[in-house]
PDB file of N, CA and C in Angstrom:
ATOM      1  N   MET A   1      35.390 -22.580  35.227  1.00  0.00           N
ATOM      2  CA  MET A   1      34.959 -21.216  35.012  1.00  0.00           C
ATOM      3  C   MET A   1      35.526 -20.338  36.117  1.00  0.00           C
ATOM      4  N   TYR A   2      35.615 -19.074  35.849  1.00  0.00           N
ATOM      5  CA  TYR A   2      36.155 -18.108  36.797  1.00  0.00           C
ATOM      6  C   TYR A   2      34.986 -17.467  37.551  1.00  0.00           C
ATOM      7  N   LEU A   3      35.073 -17.429  38.869  1.00  0.00           N
ATOM      8  CA  LEU A   3      34.009 -16.873  39.706  1.00  0.00           C
ATOM      9  C   LEU A   3      34.553 -15.746  40.565  1.00  0.00           C
ATOM     10  N   GLU A   4      33.773 -14.671  40.653  1.00  0.00           N
ATOM     11  CA  GLU A   4      34.032 -13.592  41.604  1.00  0.00           C
ATOM     12  C   GLU A   4      32.807 -13.469  42.499  1.00  0.00           C
ATOM     13  N   ILE A   5      33.029 -13.340  43.788  1.00  0.00           N
ATOM     14  CA  ILE A   5      31.948 -13.072  44.736  1.00  0.00           C
ATOM     15  C   ILE A   5      32.244 -11.718  45.357  1.00  0.00           C
ATOM     16  N   ILE A   6      31.314 -10.786  45.156  1.00  0.00           N
ATOM     17  CA  ILE A   6      31.535  -9.401  45.560  1.00  0.00           C
ATOM     18  C   ILE A   6      30.428  -8.960  46.512  1.00  0.00           C
ATOM     19  N   SER A   7      30.826  -8.419  47.659  1.00  0.00           N
ATOM     20  CA  SER A   7      29.878  -7.837  48.607  1.00  0.00           C
ATOM     21  C   SER A   7      30.031  -6.321  48.525  1.00  0.00           C
ATOM     22  N   PRO A   8      29.145  -5.561  49.159  1.00  0.00           N
ATOM     23  CA  PRO A   8      29.306  -4.106  49.143  1.00  0.00           C
ATOM     24  C   PRO A   8      30.620  -3.647  49.790  1.00  0.00           C
ATOM     25  N   GLU A   9      31.184  -4.473  50.670  1.00  0.00           N
ATOM     26  CA  GLU A   9      32.397  -4.086  51.384  1.00  0.00           C
ATOM     27  C   GLU A   9      33.691  -4.533  50.713  1.00  0.00           C
ATOM     28  N   ALA A  10      33.662  -5.676  49.995  1.00  0.00           N
ATOM     29  CA  ALA A  10      34.914  -6.239  49.490  1.00  0.00           C
ATOM     30  C   ALA A  10      34.662  -7.326  48.457  1.00  0.00           C
ATOM     31  N   THR A  11      35.697  -7.690  47.730  1.00  0.00           N
ATOM     32  CA  THR A  11      35.669  -8.871  46.880  1.00  0.00           C
ATOM     33  C   THR A  11      36.027 -10.053  47.775  1.00  0.00           C
ATOM     34  N   LEU A  12      35.078 -10.975  47.956  1.00  0.00           N
ATOM     35  CA  LEU A  12      35.243 -12.072  48.901  1.00  0.00           C
ATOM     36  C   LEU A  12      35.994 -13.252  48.317  1.00  0.00           C
ATOM     37  N   PHE A  13      35.879 -13.443  47.009  1.00  0.00           N
ATOM     38  CA  PHE A  13      36.540 -14.576  46.373  1.00  0.00           C
ATOM     39  C   PHE A  13      36.739 -14.289  44.885  1.00  0.00           C
ATOM     40  N   GLN A  14      37.859 -14.767  44.356  1.00  0.00           N
ATOM     41  CA  GLN A  14      38.148 -14.735  42.922  1.00  0.00           C
ATOM     42  C   GLN A  14      38.916 -16.002  42.603  1.00  0.00           C
ATOM     43  N   GLY A  15      38.440 -16.788  41.655  1.00  0.00           N
ATOM     44  CA  GLY A  15      39.183 -17.979  41.278  1.00  0.00           C
ATOM     45  C   GLY A  15      38.373 -18.946  40.446  1.00  0.00           C
ATOM     46  N   GLU A  16      39.031 -20.031  40.052  1.00  0.00           N
ATOM     47  CA  GLU A  16      38.419 -21.070  39.229  1.00  0.00           C
ATOM     48  C   GLU A  16      37.584 -22.014  40.089  1.00  0.00           C
ATOM     49  N   VAL A  17      36.384 -22.356  39.591  1.00  0.00           N
ATOM     50  CA  VAL A  17      35.494 -23.312  40.254  1.00  0.00           C
ATOM     51  C   VAL A  17      34.897 -24.239  39.192  1.00  0.00           C
ATOM     52  N   ASN A  18      34.273 -25.328  39.635  1.00  0.00           N
ATOM     53  CA  ASN A  18      33.657 -26.279  38.706  1.00  0.00           C
ATOM     54  C   ASN A  18      32.208 -25.933  38.383  1.00  0.00           C
ATOM     55  N   ALA A  19      31.470 -25.442  39.378  1.00  0.00           N
ATOM     56  CA  ALA A  19      30.046 -25.145  39.202  1.00  0.00           C
ATOM     57  C   ALA A  19      29.584 -24.216  40.312  1.00  0.00           C
ATOM     58  N   VAL A  20      28.487 -23.502  40.036  1.00  0.00           N
ATOM     59  CA  VAL A  20      27.873 -22.610  41.033  1.00  0.00           C
ATOM     60  C   VAL A  20      26.366 -22.807  40.966  1.00  0.00           C
ATOM     61  N   SER A  21      25.730 -22.992  42.118  1.00  0.00           N
ATOM     62  CA  SER A  21      24.272 -23.057  42.222  1.00  0.00           C
ATOM     63  C   SER A  21      23.813 -21.874  43.052  1.00  0.00           C
ATOM     64  N   VAL A  22      22.801 -21.157  42.551  1.00  0.00           N
ATOM     65  CA  VAL A  22      22.330 -19.949  43.227  1.00  0.00           C
ATOM     66  C   VAL A  22      20.805 -19.943  43.316  1.00  0.00           C
ATOM     67  N   PRO A  23      20.250 -19.212  44.313  1.00  0.00           N
ATOM     68  CA  PRO A  23      18.793 -19.120  44.476  1.00  0.00           C
ATOM     69  C   PRO A  23      18.205 -17.978  43.639  1.00  0.00           C
ATOM     70  N   GLY A  24      17.909 -18.239  42.380  1.00  0.00           N
ATOM     71  CA  GLY A  24      17.304 -17.224  41.513  1.00  0.00           C
ATOM     72  C   GLY A  24      15.883 -16.892  41.949  1.00  0.00           C
ATOM     73  N   ILE A  25      15.380 -15.734  41.564  1.00  0.00           N
ATOM     74  CA  ILE A  25      14.026 -15.339  41.975  1.00  0.00           C
ATOM     75  C   ILE A  25      12.947 -16.225  41.344  1.00  0.00           C
ATOM     76  N   GLU A  26      13.269 -16.884  40.238  1.00  0.00           N
ATOM     77  CA  GLU A  26      12.326 -17.811  39.601  1.00  0.00           C
ATOM     78  C   GLU A  26      12.629 -19.261  39.977  1.00  0.00           C
ATOM     79  N   GLY A  27      13.583 -19.466  40.883  1.00  0.00           N
ATOM     80  CA  GLY A  27      13.975 -20.806  41.312  1.00  0.00           C
ATOM     81  C   GLY A  27      15.480 -20.962  41.240  1.00  0.00           C
ATOM     82  N   SER A  28      15.992 -21.908  41.978  1.00  0.00           N
ATOM     83  CA  SER A  28      17.434 -22.138  42.005  1.00  0.00           C
ATOM     84  C   SER A  28      17.907 -22.690  40.662  1.00  0.00           C
ATOM     85  N   PHE A  29      19.148 -22.360  40.309  1.00  0.00           N
ATOM     86  CA  PHE A  29      19.730 -22.887  39.078  1.00  0.00           C
ATOM     87  C   PHE A  29      21.234 -23.034  39.253  1.00  0.00           C
ATOM     88  N   GLN A  30      21.803 -23.861  38.391  1.00  0.00           N
ATOM     89  CA  GLN A  30      23.238 -24.133  38.434  1.00  0.00           C
ATOM     90  C   GLN A  30      23.864 -23.745  37.102  1.00  0.00           C
ATOM     91  N   VAL A  31      25.080 -23.214  37.157  1.00  0.00           N
ATOM     92  CA  VAL A  31      25.838 -22.934  35.943  1.00  0.00           C
ATOM     93  C   VAL A  31      27.140 -23.733  35.983  1.00  0.00           C
ATOM     94  N   LEU A  32      27.526 -24.217  34.821  1.00  0.00           N
ATOM     95  CA  LEU A  32      28.759 -24.958  34.628  1.00  0.00           C
ATOM     96  C   LEU A  32      29.598 -24.233  33.585  1.00  0.00           C
ATOM     97  N   ASN A  33      30.772 -24.749  33.335  1.00  0.00           N
ATOM     98  CA  ASN A  33      31.633 -24.195  32.301  1.00  0.00           C
ATOM     99  C   ASN A  33      30.880 -24.144  30.963  1.00  0.00           C
ATOM    100  N   ASN A  34      31.068 -23.095  30.201  1.00  0.00           N
ATOM    101  CA  ASN A  34      30.441 -22.890  28.882  1.00  0.00           C
ATOM    102  C   ASN A  34      28.928 -22.680  28.936  1.00  0.00           C
ATOM    103  N   HIS A  35      28.401 -22.277  30.084  1.00  0.00           N
ATOM    104  CA  HIS A  35      26.969 -21.966  30.205  1.00  0.00           C
ATOM    105  C   HIS A  35      26.652 -20.734  29.368  1.00  0.00           C
ATOM    106  N   ALA A  36      25.458 -20.686  28.821  1.00  0.00           N
ATOM    107  CA  ALA A  36      25.009 -19.509  28.073  1.00  0.00           C
ATOM    108  C   ALA A  36      25.002 -18.288  28.985  1.00  0.00           C
ATOM    109  N   ALA A  37      25.119 -17.125  28.384  1.00  0.00           N
ATOM    110  CA  ALA A  37      25.087 -15.874  29.155  1.00  0.00           C
ATOM    111  C   ALA A  37      23.755 -15.761  29.890  1.00  0.00           C
ATOM    112  N   ILE A  38      23.819 -15.274  31.133  1.00  0.00           N
ATOM    113  CA  ILE A  38      22.621 -15.135  31.950  1.00  0.00           C
ATOM    114  C   ILE A  38      22.845 -14.027  32.978  1.00  0.00           C
ATOM    115  N   VAL A  39      21.766 -13.315  33.298  1.00  0.00           N
ATOM    116  CA  VAL A  39      21.752 -12.362  34.399  1.00  0.00           C
ATOM    117  C   VAL A  39      20.482 -12.648  35.188  1.00  0.00           C
ATOM    118  N   SER A  40      20.597 -12.748  36.502  1.00  0.00           N
ATOM    119  CA  SER A  40      19.431 -13.056  37.326  1.00  0.00           C
ATOM    120  C   SER A  40      19.530 -12.359  38.670  1.00  0.00           C
ATOM    121  N   ASN A  41      18.397 -11.889  39.158  1.00  0.00           N
ATOM    122  CA  ASN A  41      18.318 -11.429  40.542  1.00  0.00           C
ATOM    123  C   ASN A  41      18.242 -12.659  41.428  1.00  0.00           C
ATOM    124  N   LEU A  42      18.787 -12.543  42.638  1.00  0.00           N
ATOM    125  CA  LEU A  42      18.819 -13.660  43.571  1.00  0.00           C
ATOM    126  C   LEU A  42      18.007 -13.339  44.811  1.00  0.00           C
ATOM    127  N   THR A  43      17.429 -14.389  45.387  1.00  0.00           N
ATOM    128  CA  THR A  43      16.687 -14.241  46.633  1.00  0.00           C
ATOM    129  C   THR A  43      17.590 -14.618  47.802  1.00  0.00           C
ATOM    130  N   VAL A  44      17.078 -14.471  48.984  1.00  0.00           N
ATOM    131  CA  VAL A  44      17.775 -14.921  50.182  1.00  0.00           C
ATOM    132  C   VAL A  44      17.944 -16.432  50.084  1.00  0.00           C
ATOM    133  N   GLY A  45      19.109 -16.916  50.421  1.00  0.00           N
ATOM    134  CA  GLY A  45      19.365 -18.357  50.373  1.00  0.00           C
ATOM    135  C   GLY A  45      20.850 -18.638  50.332  1.00  0.00           C
ATOM    136  N   GLU A  46      21.186 -19.840  49.890  1.00  0.00           N
ATOM    137  CA  GLU A  46      22.576 -20.263  49.847  1.00  0.00           C
ATOM    138  C   GLU A  46      23.077 -20.394  48.421  1.00  0.00           C
ATOM    139  N   ALA A  47      24.269 -19.895  48.183  1.00  0.00           N
ATOM    140  CA  ALA A  47      24.971 -20.131  46.924  1.00  0.00           C
ATOM    141  C   ALA A  47      25.957 -21.267  47.200  1.00  0.00           C
ATOM    142  N   LYS A  48      25.900 -22.304  46.367  1.00  0.00           N
ATOM    143  CA  LYS A  48      26.777 -23.464  46.541  1.00  0.00           C
ATOM    144  C   LYS A  48      27.837 -23.446  45.441  1.00  0.00           C
ATOM    145  N   ILE A  49      29.078 -23.641  45.850  1.00  0.00           N
ATOM    146  CA  ILE A  49      30.201 -23.573  44.925  1.00  0.00           C
ATOM    147  C   ILE A  49      30.910 -24.918  44.954  1.00  0.00           C
ATOM    148  N   GLU A  50      31.101 -25.511  43.778  1.00  0.00           N
ATOM    149  CA  GLU A  50      31.798 -26.786  43.668  1.00  0.00           C
ATOM    150  C   GLU A  50      33.190 -26.554  43.118  1.00  0.00           C
ATOM    151  N   GLY A  51      34.156 -27.247  43.700  1.00  0.00           N
ATOM    152  CA  GLY A  51      35.526 -27.151  43.222  1.00  0.00           C
ATOM    153  C   GLY A  51      36.500 -27.058  44.373  1.00  0.00           C
ATOM    154  N   ASN A  52      37.756 -27.246  44.061  1.00  0.00           N
ATOM    155  CA  ASN A  52      38.823 -27.117  45.050  1.00  0.00           C
ATOM    156  C   ASN A  52      39.423 -25.732  44.937  1.00  0.00           C
ATOM    157  N   PHE A  53      39.188 -24.908  45.932  1.00  0.00           N
ATOM    158  CA  PHE A  53      39.686 -23.544  45.899  1.00  0.00           C
ATOM    159  C   PHE A  53      39.935 -23.068  47.319  1.00  0.00           C
ATOM    160  N   VAL A  54      40.637 -21.969  47.429  1.00  0.00           N
ATOM    161  CA  VAL A  54      41.001 -21.425  48.737  1.00  0.00           C
ATOM    162  C   VAL A  54      40.377 -20.043  48.901  1.00  0.00           C
ATOM    163  N   VAL A  55      39.763 -19.821  50.047  1.00  0.00           N
ATOM    164  CA  VAL A  55      39.182 -18.527  50.404  1.00  0.00           C
ATOM    165  C   VAL A  55      40.181 -17.808  51.305  1.00  0.00           C
ATOM    166  N   ALA A  56      40.361 -16.512  51.101  1.00  0.00           N
ATOM    167  CA  ALA A  56      41.270 -15.729  51.938  1.00  0.00           C
ATOM    168  C   ALA A  56      40.858 -15.815  53.404  1.00  0.00           C
ATOM    169  N   ASP A  57      41.846 -15.853  54.289  1.00  0.00           N
ATOM    170  CA  ASP A  57      41.588 -15.983  55.726  1.00  0.00           C
ATOM    171  C   ASP A  57      40.598 -14.942  56.241  1.00  0.00           C
ATOM    172  N   ALA A  58      40.652 -13.737  55.723  1.00  0.00           N
ATOM    173  CA  ALA A  58      39.782 -12.653  56.204  1.00  0.00           C
ATOM    174  C   ALA A  58      38.300 -12.944  55.956  1.00  0.00           C
ATOM    175  N   PHE A  59      37.990 -13.844  54.998  1.00  0.00           N
ATOM    176  CA  PHE A  59      36.592 -14.096  54.635  1.00  0.00           C
ATOM    177  C   PHE A  59      36.136 -15.526  54.910  1.00  0.00           C
ATOM    178  N   LYS A  60      36.996 -16.356  55.481  1.00  0.00           N
ATOM    179  CA  LYS A  60      36.650 -17.763  55.721  1.00  0.00           C
ATOM    180  C   LYS A  60      35.410 -17.927  56.588  1.00  0.00           C
ATOM    181  N   SER A  61      35.159 -17.008  57.499  1.00  0.00           N
ATOM    182  CA  SER A  61      34.000 -17.138  58.391  1.00  0.00           C
ATOM    183  C   SER A  61      32.674 -16.994  57.640  1.00  0.00           C
ATOM    184  N   LEU A  62      32.685 -16.443  56.438  1.00  0.00           N
ATOM    185  CA  LEU A  62      31.463 -16.277  55.652  1.00  0.00           C
ATOM    186  C   LEU A  62      31.095 -17.532  54.859  1.00  0.00           C
ATOM    187  N   PHE A  63      32.047 -18.455  54.731  1.00  0.00           N
ATOM    188  CA  PHE A  63      31.858 -19.670  53.946  1.00  0.00           C
ATOM    189  C   PHE A  63      31.776 -20.869  54.871  1.00  0.00           C
ATOM    190  N   SER A  64      31.021 -21.890  54.453  1.00  0.00           N
ATOM    191  CA  SER A  64      30.959 -23.140  55.216  1.00  0.00           C
ATOM    192  C   SER A  64      30.950 -24.305  54.229  1.00  0.00           C
ATOM    193  N   LYS A  65      31.208 -25.497  54.730  1.00  0.00           N
ATOM    194  CA  LYS A  65      31.197 -26.702  53.901  1.00  0.00           C
ATOM    195  C   LYS A  65      29.907 -27.469  54.134  1.00  0.00           C
ATOM    196  N   LYS A  66      29.296 -27.945  53.043  1.00  0.00           N
ATOM    197  CA  LYS A  66      28.141 -28.841  53.106  1.00  0.00           C
ATOM    198  C   LYS A  66      28.429 -29.962  52.124  1.00  0.00           C
ATOM    199  N   GLY A  67      28.840 -31.097  52.656  1.00  0.00           N
ATOM    200  CA  GLY A  67      29.251 -32.196  51.786  1.00  0.00           C
ATOM    201  C   GLY A  67      30.486 -31.783  51.005  1.00  0.00           C
ATOM    202  N   ASN A  68      30.422 -31.908  49.687  1.00  0.00           N
ATOM    203  CA  ASN A  68      31.548 -31.522  48.830  1.00  0.00           C
ATOM    204  C   ASN A  68      31.475 -30.068  48.389  1.00  0.00           C
ATOM    205  N   ASP A  69      30.405 -29.381  48.756  1.00  0.00           N
ATOM    206  CA  ASP A  69      30.203 -28.000  48.322  1.00  0.00           C
ATOM    207  C   ASP A  69      30.672 -27.013  49.377  1.00  0.00           C
ATOM    208  N   THR A  70      31.057 -25.839  48.922  1.00  0.00           N
ATOM    209  CA  THR A  70      31.313 -24.703  49.795  1.00  0.00           C
ATOM    210  C   THR A  70      30.116 -23.780  49.651  1.00  0.00           C
ATOM    211  N   VAL A  71      29.600 -23.283  50.756  1.00  0.00           N
ATOM    212  CA  VAL A  71      28.358 -22.512  50.766  1.00  0.00           C
ATOM    213  C   VAL A  71      28.606 -21.133  51.343  1.00  0.00           C
ATOM    214  N   ILE A  72      27.968 -20.134  50.720  1.00  0.00           N
ATOM    215  CA  ILE A  72      27.922 -18.790  51.287  1.00  0.00           C
ATOM    216  C   ILE A  72      26.452 -18.386  51.325  1.00  0.00           C
ATOM    217  N   THR A  73      26.018 -17.816  52.438  1.00  0.00           N
ATOM    218  CA  THR A  73      24.615 -17.430  52.604  1.00  0.00           C
ATOM    219  C   THR A  73      24.387 -16.020  52.087  1.00  0.00           C
ATOM    220  N   LEU A  74      23.364 -15.889  51.264  1.00  0.00           N
ATOM    221  CA  LEU A  74      22.954 -14.574  50.738  1.00  0.00           C
ATOM    222  C   LEU A  74      21.827 -14.066  51.629  1.00  0.00           C
ATOM    223  N   THR A  75      22.168 -13.281  52.631  1.00  0.00           N
ATOM    224  CA  THR A  75      21.172 -12.836  53.605  1.00  0.00           C
ATOM    225  C   THR A  75      20.231 -11.775  53.047  1.00  0.00           C
ATOM    226  N   ASN A  76      20.646 -11.080  51.985  1.00  0.00           N
ATOM    227  CA  ASN A  76      19.797 -10.053  51.375  1.00  0.00           C
ATOM    228  C   ASN A  76      19.613 -10.272  49.879  1.00  0.00           C
ATOM    229  N   GLY A  77      19.915 -11.458  49.393  1.00  0.00           N
ATOM    230  CA  GLY A  77      19.812 -11.713  47.958  1.00  0.00           C
ATOM    231  C   GLY A  77      21.001 -11.130  47.228  1.00  0.00           C
ATOM    232  N   GLY A  78      20.790 -10.833  45.948  1.00  0.00           N
ATOM    233  CA  GLY A  78      21.870 -10.278  45.147  1.00  0.00           C
ATOM    234  C   GLY A  78      21.581 -10.385  43.669  1.00  0.00           C
ATOM    235  N   THR A  79      22.639 -10.388  42.876  1.00  0.00           N
ATOM    236  CA  THR A  79      22.540 -10.497  41.425  1.00  0.00           C
ATOM    237  C   THR A  79      23.632 -11.445  40.945  1.00  0.00           C
ATOM    238  N   PHE A  80      23.316 -12.233  39.928  1.00  0.00           N
ATOM    239  CA  PHE A  80      24.282 -13.172  39.363  1.00  0.00           C
ATOM    240  C   PHE A  80      24.392 -12.915  37.867  1.00  0.00           C
ATOM    241  N   GLU A  81      25.621 -12.912  37.378  1.00  0.00           N
ATOM    242  CA  GLU A  81      25.857 -12.718  35.949  1.00  0.00           C
ATOM    243  C   GLU A  81      26.871 -13.752  35.484  1.00  0.00           C
ATOM    244  N   MET A  82      26.596 -14.358  34.317  1.00  0.00           N
ATOM    245  CA  MET A  82      27.522 -15.331  33.720  1.00  0.00           C
ATOM    246  C   MET A  82      27.667 -14.993  32.248  1.00  0.00           C
ATOM    247  N   SER A  83      28.910 -14.882  31.782  1.00  0.00           N
ATOM    248  CA  SER A  83      29.183 -14.629  30.373  1.00  0.00           C
ATOM    249  C   SER A  83      30.614 -15.054  30.069  1.00  0.00           C
ATOM    250  N   LYS A  84      30.799 -15.809  29.010  1.00  0.00           N
ATOM    251  CA  LYS A  84      32.131 -16.211  28.532  1.00  0.00           C
ATOM    252  C   LYS A  84      32.968 -16.873  29.625  1.00  0.00           C
ATOM    253  N   ASN A  85      32.361 -17.807  30.347  1.00  0.00           N
ATOM    254  CA  ASN A  85      33.024 -18.561  31.421  1.00  0.00           C
ATOM    255  C   ASN A  85      33.499 -17.698  32.578  1.00  0.00           C
ATOM    256  N   ARG A  86      32.900 -16.534  32.760  1.00  0.00           N
ATOM    257  CA  ARG A  86      33.140 -15.667  33.925  1.00  0.00           C
ATOM    258  C   ARG A  86      31.808 -15.453  34.627  1.00  0.00           C
ATOM    259  N   ALA A  87      31.773 -15.810  35.895  1.00  0.00           N
ATOM    260  CA  ALA A  87      30.572 -15.608  36.693  1.00  0.00           C
ATOM    261  C   ALA A  87      30.873 -14.602  37.791  1.00  0.00           C
ATOM    262  N   ILE A  88      29.905 -13.712  38.025  1.00  0.00           N
ATOM    263  CA  ILE A  88      30.029 -12.734  39.097  1.00  0.00           C
ATOM    264  C   ILE A  88      28.782 -12.821  39.964  1.00  0.00           C
ATOM    265  N   LEU A  89      28.984 -13.027  41.250  1.00  0.00           N
ATOM    266  CA  LEU A  89      27.897 -13.056  42.209  1.00  0.00           C
ATOM    267  C   LEU A  89      28.022 -11.770  43.039  1.00  0.00           C
ATOM    268  N   PHE A  90      27.070 -10.868  42.859  1.00  0.00           N
ATOM    269  CA  PHE A  90      27.014  -9.622  43.633  1.00  0.00           C
ATOM    270  C   PHE A  90      26.078  -9.842  44.804  1.00  0.00           C
ATOM    271  N   MET A  91      26.591  -9.753  46.014  1.00  0.00           N
ATOM    272  CA  MET A  91      25.759  -9.905  47.208  1.00  0.00           C
ATOM    273  C   MET A  91      25.222  -8.546  47.634  1.00  0.00           C
ATOM    274  N   ASP A  92      23.923  -8.484  47.962  1.00  0.00           N
ATOM    275  CA  ASP A  92      23.326  -7.253  48.479  1.00  0.00           C
ATOM    276  C   ASP A  92      23.583  -7.120  49.955  1.00  0.00           C
TER     277      ASP A  92
END
């Protein structure tokens, strides 16, 4: 699936990933390829991204590795949208 991670300042990442896990306000959830359409508000926490991908040098400090996952911390929550194998994570 195609993922975009967008902050108020910039687009932090765009590319293909295998899965994304996010901290939804009703609990954490994971989306995979061909997931049903969904929109959810996110709480403070970590978004975990699975897959082999490259983050631009300017934004590498925002991402970290935890096991096989790449993690970005949502310090103010955000919004997540998934439709037609395109996921967008809007960070607040």
